[in-house]
């Protein structure tokens, strides 16, 4: 910023105007016909001190105004960042709610922090068009009333969303908790379905495949294949028990990963 005062003027000591270094200035004041009252060295010294003090006092006022402006700007930026964070959280929860409540397939990428980061960037461009309302859902049978987020706009699908088949096993692990927690309050799934999904992830976590070479890649692919297949079966009204590990599908996933590893090895690439 131009003309910015970097040092607090109140911390600057007054120069020693009575010293030899200021003798030339003092003599000039004594000789100045426009200052007939300055007739002695002591009066010249006092005049220099008064001038310096007046300038320093003015600088202090400017510095204080600058500091207040800095604080106001910092508070404004903090408020904008908080508003953006809340908008991201609202958009993310609304998006999750829409997909889970509809019991439709969606990639778990939407439940990852990466999705929130991307939404944070987009929210800066859409903050003027997004409108949300918080309503309290007071359940008389519960000691914990919940807040429901209602959006007045349609959530936009992210162009950067990653399909489940491209998610790493670590990403699946990070997203599953949010998915499982949302099944009952948002999706209103039957307890049997919630239990099935919970066992689906538990059985994969405990499967010996994860102890094998590239086992995490195999299991991540298996997760993508089976989760998609389940939602497709639901659309046909022929759901199956997702919690039971389908060893034939798992074997097919092993073959796909081995084939991918072989191809990438020939190309001098590492398998991802």
Protein backbone atom coordinates (compact mmCIF):
# COMPACT_ATOMS: atom_id res chain seq x y z
CA UNK A 1 0.00 0.00 0.00
CA UNK A 2 1.35 3.46 -0.96
CA UNK A 3 2.36 5.82 1.87
CA UNK A 4 1.86 3.07 4.41
CA UNK A 5 3.36 3.73 7.86
CA UNK A 6 5.28 0.62 8.82
CA UNK A 7 6.58 1.73 12.25
CA UNK A 8 4.46 2.96 15.16
CA UNK A 9 5.40 6.68 15.47
CA UNK A 10 4.80 6.59 19.23
CA UNK A 11 7.78 4.24 19.49
CA UNK A 12 10.13 6.70 17.76
CA UNK A 13 12.22 8.77 20.23
CA UNK A 14 12.61 12.50 19.75
CA UNK A 15 15.98 13.39 18.16
CA UNK A 16 18.59 15.21 20.25
CA UNK A 17 18.17 18.66 18.69
CA UNK A 18 20.57 20.22 21.24
CA UNK A 19 23.49 18.20 19.90
CA UNK A 20 26.20 19.13 17.45
CA UNK A 21 24.47 17.39 14.53
CA UNK A 22 21.60 19.90 14.72
CA UNK A 23 23.75 23.03 15.21
CA UNK A 24 23.43 24.06 11.57
CA UNK A 25 19.61 23.92 11.75
CA UNK A 26 19.54 25.83 15.04
CA UNK A 27 21.76 28.59 13.61
CA UNK A 28 19.51 28.79 10.54
CA UNK A 29 16.46 29.33 12.75
CA UNK A 30 18.23 32.05 14.75
CA UNK A 31 19.21 33.80 11.51
CA UNK A 32 15.74 33.48 9.95
CA UNK A 33 14.12 36.93 9.73
CA UNK A 34 10.70 35.28 9.69
CA UNK A 35 11.28 33.95 13.20
CA UNK A 36 12.20 37.00 15.28
CA UNK A 37 11.34 35.18 18.52
CA UNK A 38 14.12 32.62 17.96
CA UNK A 39 17.12 34.51 19.30
CA UNK A 40 19.04 31.89 21.26
CA UNK A 41 20.31 28.37 20.82
CA UNK A 42 17.92 27.14 23.52
CA UNK A 43 14.90 28.69 21.79
CA UNK A 44 15.94 27.14 18.47
CA UNK A 45 16.25 23.74 20.14
CA UNK A 46 12.78 24.10 21.68
CA UNK A 47 11.32 25.10 18.30
CA UNK A 48 12.77 22.02 16.63
CA UNK A 49 11.35 19.80 19.36
CA UNK A 50 7.91 21.36 19.03
CA UNK A 51 7.93 20.94 15.25
CA UNK A 52 9.03 17.32 15.53
CA UNK A 53 6.39 16.61 18.19
CA UNK A 54 3.63 18.13 16.03
CA UNK A 55 4.67 16.02 13.04
CA UNK A 56 4.97 12.89 15.18
CA UNK A 57 1.52 13.47 16.71
CA UNK A 58 0.03 13.77 13.22
CA UNK A 59 1.78 10.56 12.19
CA UNK A 60 0.43 8.79 15.26
CA UNK A 61 -3.11 9.78 14.28
CA UNK A 62 -2.53 8.45 10.76
CA UNK A 63 -0.99 5.26 12.13
CA UNK A 64 -3.96 4.71 14.46
CA UNK A 65 -6.38 5.20 11.56
CA UNK A 66 -4.31 2.77 9.48
CA UNK A 67 -4.35 0.20 12.30
CA UNK A 68 -8.11 0.51 12.68
CA UNK A 69 -8.54 0.09 8.92
CA UNK A 70 -6.33 -3.02 9.03
CA UNK A 71 -8.41 -4.47 11.86
CA UNK A 72 -11.65 -3.71 10.04
CA UNK A 73 -10.31 -5.36 6.88
CA UNK A 74 -9.14 -8.41 8.84
CA UNK A 75 -12.56 -8.72 10.49
CA UNK A 76 -14.29 -8.38 7.12
CA UNK A 77 -12.06 -11.05 5.59
CA UNK A 78 -12.70 -13.34 8.57
CA UNK A 79 -16.44 -12.84 8.17
CA UNK A 80 -16.23 -13.55 4.44
CA UNK A 81 -14.19 -16.69 5.07
CA UNK A 82 -16.68 -17.84 7.70
CA UNK A 83 -19.58 -17.11 5.35
CA UNK A 84 -17.83 -19.07 2.60
CA UNK A 85 -17.17 -21.96 5.00
CA UNK A 86 -20.81 -22.04 6.04
CA UNK A 87 -21.96 -21.85 2.43
CA UNK A 88 -19.71 -24.79 1.60
CA UNK A 89 -21.07 -26.80 4.51
CA UNK A 90 -24.64 -25.98 3.55
CA UNK A 91 -24.11 -26.83 -0.11
CA UNK A 92 -22.35 -30.06 0.77
CA UNK A 93 -25.04 -31.14 3.23
CA UNK A 94 -27.80 -30.20 0.81
CA UNK A 95 -26.13 -32.14 -1.99
CA UNK A 96 -25.68 -35.16 0.25
CA UNK A 97 -29.24 -34.87 1.51
CA UNK A 98 -30.71 -34.71 -1.98
CA UNK A 99 -28.85 -37.79 -3.16
CA UNK A 100 -29.25 -39.85 -0.02
CA UNK A 101 -32.90 -38.92 0.49
CA UNK A 102 -33.63 -39.95 -3.10
CA UNK A 103 -31.78 -43.23 -2.42
CA UNK A 104 -29.94 -42.82 -5.67
CA UNK A 105 -26.42 -43.81 -6.51
CA UNK A 106 -23.78 -41.10 -6.21
CA UNK A 107 -20.04 -41.22 -5.95
CA UNK A 108 -18.61 -41.03 -2.44
CA UNK A 109 -16.27 -38.31 -3.66
CA UNK A 110 -19.02 -35.85 -2.71
CA UNK A 111 -18.48 -36.76 0.95
CA UNK A 112 -14.73 -36.10 0.92
CA UNK A 113 -12.94 -32.92 2.09
CA UNK A 114 -11.76 -32.51 -1.50
CA UNK A 115 -15.34 -31.84 -2.52
CA UNK A 116 -15.66 -29.20 0.18
CA UNK A 117 -12.48 -27.48 -1.00
CA UNK A 118 -13.74 -27.37 -4.56
CA UNK A 119 -17.13 -26.14 -3.38
CA UNK A 120 -15.40 -23.43 -1.37
CA UNK A 121 -13.85 -22.06 -4.54
CA UNK A 122 -17.15 -22.21 -6.42
CA UNK A 123 -19.06 -20.62 -3.55
CA UNK A 124 -17.19 -17.36 -4.10
CA UNK A 125 -18.85 -17.07 -7.49
CA UNK A 126 -22.29 -18.25 -6.40
CA UNK A 127 -22.69 -16.66 -2.97
CA UNK A 128 -25.10 -14.09 -4.38
CA UNK A 129 -27.42 -16.68 -5.92
CA UNK A 130 -27.47 -19.33 -3.22
CA UNK A 131 -30.19 -19.01 -0.61
CA UNK A 132 -30.66 -21.39 2.28
CA UNK A 133 -32.93 -21.72 5.30
CA UNK A 134 -32.37 -23.56 8.56
CA UNK A 135 -35.43 -25.14 10.16
CA UNK A 136 -35.53 -26.95 13.49
CA UNK A 137 -36.91 -30.44 13.54
CA UNK A 138 -38.08 -30.81 17.13
CA UNK A 139 -38.76 -34.41 17.92
CA UNK A 140 -40.68 -34.70 21.15
CA UNK A 141 -39.31 -38.19 21.63
CA UNK A 142 -35.74 -37.04 21.34
CA UNK A 143 -33.59 -34.85 23.54
CA UNK A 144 -31.55 -33.80 20.50
CA UNK A 145 -33.55 -31.67 18.05
CA UNK A 146 -31.88 -31.50 14.65
CA UNK A 147 -31.46 -28.83 12.01
CA UNK A 148 -32.60 -29.47 8.47
CA UNK A 149 -31.07 -27.49 5.62
CA UNK A 150 -33.46 -26.43 2.90
CA UNK A 151 -31.99 -25.03 -0.32
CA UNK A 152 -33.70 -22.61 -2.66
CA UNK A 153 -31.56 -23.56 -5.61
CA UNK A 154 -30.61 -26.78 -7.33
CA UNK A 155 -27.18 -28.10 -6.40
CA UNK A 156 -24.84 -28.28 -9.34
CA UNK A 157 -22.97 -31.48 -9.96
CA UNK A 158 -19.25 -30.92 -9.78
CA UNK A 159 -17.39 -31.38 -13.06
CA UNK A 160 -14.45 -32.65 -11.00
CA UNK A 161 -16.34 -35.43 -9.22
CA UNK A 162 -14.38 -38.70 -9.22
CA UNK A 163 -16.23 -41.97 -9.84
CA UNK A 164 -16.02 -44.63 -7.16
CA UNK A 165 -13.91 -46.76 -9.49
CA UNK A 166 -11.17 -44.11 -9.34
CA UNK A 167 -11.23 -43.61 -5.57
CA UNK A 168 -8.41 -45.03 -3.50
CA UNK A 169 -9.17 -47.33 -0.60
CA UNK A 170 -8.08 -44.57 1.77
CA UNK A 171 -10.63 -42.22 0.21
CA UNK A 172 -13.34 -44.86 0.57
CA UNK A 173 -12.46 -45.19 4.24
CA UNK A 174 -12.69 -41.45 4.78
CA UNK A 175 -16.05 -41.12 3.02
CA UNK A 176 -17.84 -44.16 4.43
CA UNK A 177 -18.41 -42.67 7.90
CA UNK A 178 -20.25 -39.66 6.51
CA UNK A 179 -22.27 -41.96 4.26
CA UNK A 180 -23.29 -44.32 7.05
CA UNK A 181 -24.15 -41.50 9.44
CA UNK A 182 -26.49 -39.93 6.89
CA UNK A 183 -28.48 -43.05 6.03
CA UNK A 184 -30.99 -42.79 8.87
CA UNK A 185 -31.56 -39.06 9.52
CA UNK A 186 -31.49 -38.07 5.84
CA UNK A 187 -32.17 -41.16 3.78
CA UNK A 188 -34.63 -42.67 6.26
CA UNK A 189 -33.33 -46.12 5.37
CA UNK A 190 -34.78 -49.13 7.10
CA UNK A 191 -32.62 -50.50 9.94
CA UNK A 192 -31.98 -53.62 7.88
CA UNK A 193 -30.45 -51.58 5.07
CA UNK A 194 -28.37 -49.49 7.46
CA UNK A 195 -27.05 -52.67 9.07
CA UNK A 196 -26.34 -54.14 5.65
CA UNK A 197 -24.27 -51.13 4.57
CA UNK A 198 -22.40 -51.13 7.89
CA UNK A 199 -21.56 -54.83 7.50
CA UNK A 200 -20.62 -54.22 3.86
CA UNK A 201 -17.82 -51.90 4.94
CA UNK A 202 -16.89 -53.92 8.02
CA UNK A 203 -16.53 -57.14 6.03
CA UNK A 204 -14.35 -55.41 3.48
CA UNK A 205 -12.20 -53.91 6.25
CA UNK A 206 -11.63 -57.37 7.72
CA UNK A 207 -11.12 -59.23 4.47
CA UNK A 208 -7.78 -60.97 3.98
CA UNK A 209 -7.50 -59.38 0.54
CA UNK A 210 -6.24 -56.20 2.17
CA UNK A 211 -3.16 -58.10 3.35
CA UNK A 212 -2.21 -59.01 -0.21
CA UNK A 213 -0.13 -57.07 -2.71
CA UNK A 214 -2.31 -54.38 -4.26
CA UNK A 215 -5.11 -55.57 -1.99
CA UNK A 216 -6.23 -52.01 -1.34
CA UNK A 217 -6.62 -51.45 -5.08
CA UNK A 218 -8.60 -54.65 -5.44
CA UNK A 219 -10.89 -53.80 -2.54
CA UNK A 220 -11.44 -50.24 -3.75
CA UNK A 221 -12.49 -51.58 -7.14
CA UNK A 222 -14.70 -54.22 -5.52
CA UNK A 223 -16.38 -51.52 -3.45
CA UNK A 224 -17.11 -49.47 -6.58
CA UNK A 225 -18.46 -52.43 -8.53
CA UNK A 226 -20.70 -53.75 -5.76
CA UNK A 227 -22.04 -50.42 -4.57
CA UNK A 228 -23.04 -49.44 -8.09
CA UNK A 229 -24.55 -52.87 -8.73
CA UNK A 230 -26.62 -52.60 -5.56
CA UNK A 231 -28.19 -49.28 -6.53
CA UNK A 232 -28.87 -50.59 -10.02
CA UNK A 233 -30.61 -53.59 -8.47
CA UNK A 234 -32.66 -51.29 -6.24
CA UNK A 235 -33.86 -49.42 -9.33
CA UNK A 236 -35.08 -52.76 -10.69
CA UNK A 237 -36.64 -53.47 -7.28
CA UNK A 238 -34.37 -56.48 -6.88
CA UNK A 239 -31.97 -55.52 -4.09
CA UNK A 240 -29.50 -58.10 -2.79
CA UNK A 241 -27.52 -58.50 0.42
CA UNK A 242 -24.54 -56.23 -0.13
CA UNK A 243 -22.85 -57.29 3.10
CA UNK A 244 -21.98 -60.75 1.76
CA UNK A 245 -18.62 -60.66 0.01
CA UNK A 246 -19.08 -61.89 -3.55
CA UNK A 247 -15.90 -63.87 -4.05
CA UNK A 248 -16.46 -64.25 -7.79
CA UNK A 249 -16.70 -60.48 -8.21
CA UNK A 250 -13.68 -60.05 -5.96
CA UNK A 251 -11.69 -62.45 -8.12
CA UNK A 252 -12.70 -60.52 -11.22
CA UNK A 253 -11.43 -57.35 -9.54
CA UNK A 254 -8.12 -59.09 -8.80
CA UNK A 255 -7.76 -59.96 -12.46
CA UNK A 256 -8.50 -56.39 -13.50
CA UNK A 257 -5.89 -55.01 -11.10
CA UNK A 258 -3.31 -57.60 -12.19
CA UNK A 259 -3.97 -56.75 -15.81
CA UNK A 260 -3.66 -53.06 -15.08
CA UNK A 261 -0.42 -53.63 -13.17
CA UNK A 262 1.00 -55.71 -16.01
CA UNK A 263 0.14 -53.09 -18.61
CA UNK A 264 1.57 -50.27 -16.56
CA UNK A 265 4.72 -52.25 -15.81
CA UNK A 266 5.29 -52.68 -19.54
CA UNK A 267 4.90 -48.94 -19.96
CA UNK A 268 7.29 -48.22 -17.10
CA UNK A 269 4.56 -46.78 -14.92
CA UNK A 270 3.59 -47.49 -11.33
CA UNK A 271 0.12 -48.83 -10.68
CA UNK A 272 -2.33 -46.35 -9.19
